[in-house]
Amino acid sequence: MGKFKFNKTKIDGVLVVEPQVFADDRGFFFECYKASDFKNAGIKEPFSQVNHSKSTKGVLRGLHYQLDPQAQAKLVKVVAGEIFDVAVDIRKSSPTFGLWVGETLSADNKKMLFIPKGFAHGFCVTSDIAEVVYFVAGGEYSPEHDRGIVWNDPEIGIKWPLKEIVVSKKDKIHPQLKDAEVFA
């Protein structure tokens, strides 16, 4: 038996990953990633970059992605606090184009979200603070390929869990999905 549960979501390829946690009175231990288990679940690309962010309650980061040839897949994990993490299918040829999946990730529940290439990603902090680590597969960060979709696009209709949102100037001016450069 593997050390992970790879739970499918309503969008093919987006997975909620639950690690096997070993806990006792000293604390806990778990593997965040193991190449062989992830390969057996269909996740074959090696990770090329690891990012770590810290944000306060109400901060919304996203919806971000990179175009080919620097497209990225992400494995998102919370090491402190809680977030509502979202993946939006932006592959025009996909039957789920424009649909989104959201999952609460926290330091307590230890769930992770795997987001394949061809998706926009964003999250909203629902605790006082949250620290998020993203394992990135595919291209490294590339400003020329960096794109975004506005976080509150009415056609996507993400149901963010908070009313008071803090968004960067850059994230406020992203286009709606209908006007964005996306994947074929």
Protein backbone atom coordinates (compact mmCIF):
# COMPACT_ATOMS: atom_id res chain seq x y z
CA MET A 1 0.00 0.00 0.00
CA GLY A 2 1.31 3.44 -0.94
CA LYS A 3 1.78 6.24 1.50
CA PHE A 4 -0.62 8.55 -0.33
CA LYS A 5 -4.28 8.62 -1.30
CA PHE A 6 -4.77 10.31 -4.67
CA ASN A 7 -8.40 11.45 -4.71
CA LYS A 8 -9.90 12.48 -8.03
CA THR A 9 -11.90 15.70 -8.31
CA LYS A 10 -14.64 16.68 -10.74
CA ILE A 11 -11.93 17.81 -13.18
CA ASP A 12 -9.70 15.11 -14.65
CA GLY A 13 -6.08 15.49 -13.61
CA VAL A 14 -6.64 17.66 -10.53
CA LEU A 15 -6.03 15.50 -7.48
CA VAL A 16 -6.38 15.93 -3.73
CA VAL A 17 -3.36 14.19 -2.24
CA GLU A 18 -3.61 12.85 1.30
CA PRO A 19 -0.34 11.64 2.82
CA GLN A 20 -0.10 8.88 5.41
CA VAL A 21 0.75 10.67 8.67
CA PHE A 22 2.65 8.97 11.48
CA ALA A 23 1.90 10.79 14.75
CA ASP A 24 2.72 10.19 18.39
CA ASP A 25 3.36 12.25 21.52
CA ARG A 26 6.56 13.66 19.94
CA GLY A 27 4.77 15.15 16.93
CA PHE A 28 4.31 13.77 13.42
CA PHE A 29 6.14 12.70 10.27
CA PHE A 30 4.92 12.28 6.70
CA GLU A 31 6.30 12.24 3.19
CA CYS A 32 5.16 15.23 1.09
CA TYR A 33 6.36 13.65 -2.11
CA LYS A 34 7.74 10.33 -3.26
CA ALA A 35 8.55 10.02 -6.97
CA SER A 36 7.53 6.36 -7.30
CA ASP A 37 4.11 6.85 -5.64
CA PHE A 38 3.39 9.97 -7.67
CA LYS A 39 4.51 8.23 -10.89
CA ASN A 40 2.13 5.34 -10.12
CA ALA A 41 -0.66 7.93 -9.77
CA GLY A 42 0.17 9.36 -13.23
CA ILE A 43 2.26 12.35 -12.09
CA LYS A 44 5.50 11.79 -13.94
CA GLU A 45 7.25 15.16 -14.26
CA PRO A 46 10.05 15.96 -11.82
CA PHE A 47 9.75 19.13 -9.78
CA SER A 48 11.91 22.02 -11.04
CA GLN A 49 11.21 24.75 -8.48
CA VAL A 50 9.85 25.12 -4.93
CA ASN A 51 8.14 28.34 -3.78
CA HIS A 52 7.09 29.42 -0.27
CA SER A 53 4.70 32.28 0.53
CA LYS A 54 3.32 33.79 3.74
CA SER A 55 0.09 35.79 3.70
CA THR A 56 -2.45 37.19 6.13
CA LYS A 57 -6.19 36.53 6.37
CA GLY A 58 -8.14 37.59 3.29
CA VAL A 59 -5.13 37.72 0.95
CA LEU A 60 -6.01 36.20 -2.41
CA ARG A 61 -3.20 35.23 -4.75
CA GLY A 62 -4.18 34.34 -8.30
CA LEU A 63 -5.36 33.23 -10.70
CA HIS A 64 -1.87 32.52 -12.11
CA TYR A 65 -0.38 30.27 -14.80
CA GLN A 66 2.41 30.13 -17.37
CA LEU A 67 2.05 29.42 -21.07
CA ASP A 68 4.05 26.81 -23.01
CA PRO A 69 6.90 26.10 -23.22
CA GLN A 70 7.19 27.18 -19.57
CA ALA A 71 3.82 25.77 -18.41
CA GLN A 72 3.80 24.51 -14.85
CA ALA A 73 2.10 21.83 -12.81
CA LYS A 74 1.91 22.48 -9.05
CA LEU A 75 1.65 20.48 -5.86
CA VAL A 76 0.35 22.91 -3.22
CA LYS A 77 0.84 22.33 0.51
CA VAL A 78 0.09 24.47 3.57
CA VAL A 79 2.70 24.40 6.36
CA ALA A 80 0.95 26.92 8.66
CA GLY A 81 -2.68 28.06 8.74
CA GLU A 82 -5.42 27.38 6.19
CA ILE A 83 -6.30 28.34 2.62
CA PHE A 84 -9.04 27.73 0.10
CA ASP A 85 -7.08 26.53 -2.94
CA VAL A 86 -8.52 26.71 -6.48
CA ALA A 87 -7.66 25.24 -9.90
CA VAL A 88 -9.43 26.49 -13.06
CA ASP A 89 -9.32 24.46 -16.28
CA ILE A 90 -8.07 26.79 -19.03
CA ARG A 91 -7.58 24.20 -21.79
CA LYS A 92 -9.95 25.23 -24.63
CA SER A 93 -10.17 21.66 -25.95
CA SER A 94 -11.16 20.26 -22.55
CA PRO A 95 -14.77 19.30 -21.79
CA THR A 96 -14.28 21.02 -18.41
CA PHE A 97 -12.90 24.30 -19.84
CA GLY A 98 -13.76 27.17 -17.48
CA LEU A 99 -14.75 24.91 -14.57
CA TRP A 100 -13.05 25.20 -11.20
CA VAL A 101 -12.26 22.95 -8.25
CA GLY A 102 -11.68 24.26 -4.72
CA GLU A 103 -10.28 22.49 -1.67
CA THR A 104 -9.50 23.60 1.87
CA LEU A 105 -5.85 22.89 2.59
CA SER A 106 -4.42 23.37 6.06
CA ALA A 107 -1.48 22.54 8.27
CA ASP A 108 -3.94 20.48 10.32
CA ASN A 109 -5.52 18.38 7.55
CA LYS A 110 -2.20 18.04 5.67
CA LYS A 111 -4.02 17.65 2.33
CA MET A 112 -2.25 18.79 -0.82
CA LEU A 113 -3.68 19.74 -4.21
CA PHE A 114 -2.03 18.62 -7.44
CA ILE A 115 -2.78 20.99 -10.33
CA PRO A 116 -1.64 19.84 -13.79
CA LYS A 117 -0.41 22.05 -16.62
CA GLY A 118 -3.22 23.87 -18.38
CA PHE A 119 -4.83 25.22 -15.21
CA ALA A 120 -4.88 28.61 -13.53
CA HIS A 121 -4.20 28.51 -9.79
CA GLY A 122 -5.15 30.76 -6.91
CA PHE A 123 -5.84 30.68 -3.20
CA CYS A 124 -7.44 32.71 -0.44
CA VAL A 125 -6.13 32.71 3.15
CA THR A 126 -8.90 31.79 5.61
CA SER A 127 -6.80 31.74 8.83
CA ASP A 128 -4.99 34.64 10.49
CA ILE A 129 -1.84 33.70 8.54
CA ALA A 130 -0.91 30.96 6.12
CA GLU A 131 2.36 29.71 4.78
CA VAL A 132 2.09 27.85 1.50
CA VAL A 133 4.72 25.75 -0.27
CA TYR A 134 4.29 25.01 -3.98
CA PHE A 135 6.32 22.28 -5.66
CA VAL A 136 6.47 23.24 -9.34
CA ALA A 137 6.97 20.77 -12.22
CA GLY A 138 7.74 21.87 -15.75
CA GLY A 139 9.11 25.31 -16.49
CA GLU A 140 10.76 27.53 -13.95
CA TYR A 141 9.27 30.98 -13.37
CA SER A 142 9.39 32.95 -16.62
CA PRO A 143 8.10 36.56 -16.71
CA GLU A 144 7.58 36.34 -20.50
CA HIS A 145 5.22 33.36 -20.09
CA ASP A 146 3.53 34.51 -16.88
CA ARG A 147 -0.22 35.12 -17.25
CA GLY A 148 -3.30 35.50 -15.10
CA ILE A 149 -7.08 35.63 -15.03
CA VAL A 150 -8.95 38.02 -12.78
CA TRP A 151 -9.86 36.32 -9.49
CA ASN A 152 -13.54 37.34 -9.60
CA ASP A 153 -14.37 36.53 -13.23
CA PRO A 154 -18.19 36.16 -13.17
CA GLU A 155 -18.18 33.53 -15.94
CA ILE A 156 -15.96 31.24 -13.86
CA GLY A 157 -17.96 32.02 -10.70
CA ILE A 158 -15.54 30.87 -8.00
CA LYS A 159 -17.23 30.86 -4.61
CA TRP A 160 -14.46 32.34 -2.48
CA PRO A 161 -15.10 31.74 1.25
CA LEU A 162 -14.46 35.34 2.40
CA LYS A 163 -16.12 38.64 1.51
CA GLU A 164 -13.18 40.88 2.43
CA ILE A 165 -10.39 40.11 -0.03
CA VAL A 166 -6.93 41.67 -0.40
CA VAL A 167 -5.58 41.40 -3.95
CA SER A 168 -2.35 42.75 -5.47
CA LYS A 169 -2.50 45.52 -8.07
CA LYS A 170 -1.24 43.02 -10.66
CA ASP A 171 -3.98 40.47 -9.85
CA LYS A 172 -6.72 43.13 -10.02
CA ILE A 173 -6.01 43.90 -13.68
CA HIS A 174 -5.79 40.40 -15.14
CA PRO A 175 -8.26 39.79 -18.01
CA GLN A 176 -11.36 37.62 -17.77
CA LEU A 177 -11.05 34.08 -19.09
CA LYS A 178 -12.84 35.00 -22.33
CA ASP A 179 -10.06 37.53 -23.11
CA ALA A 180 -7.05 35.62 -21.74
CA GLU A 181 -4.34 33.73 -23.57
CA VAL A 182 -5.01 30.10 -22.68
CA PHE A 183 -4.04 26.58 -23.74
CA ALA A 184 -5.38 24.95 -26.92
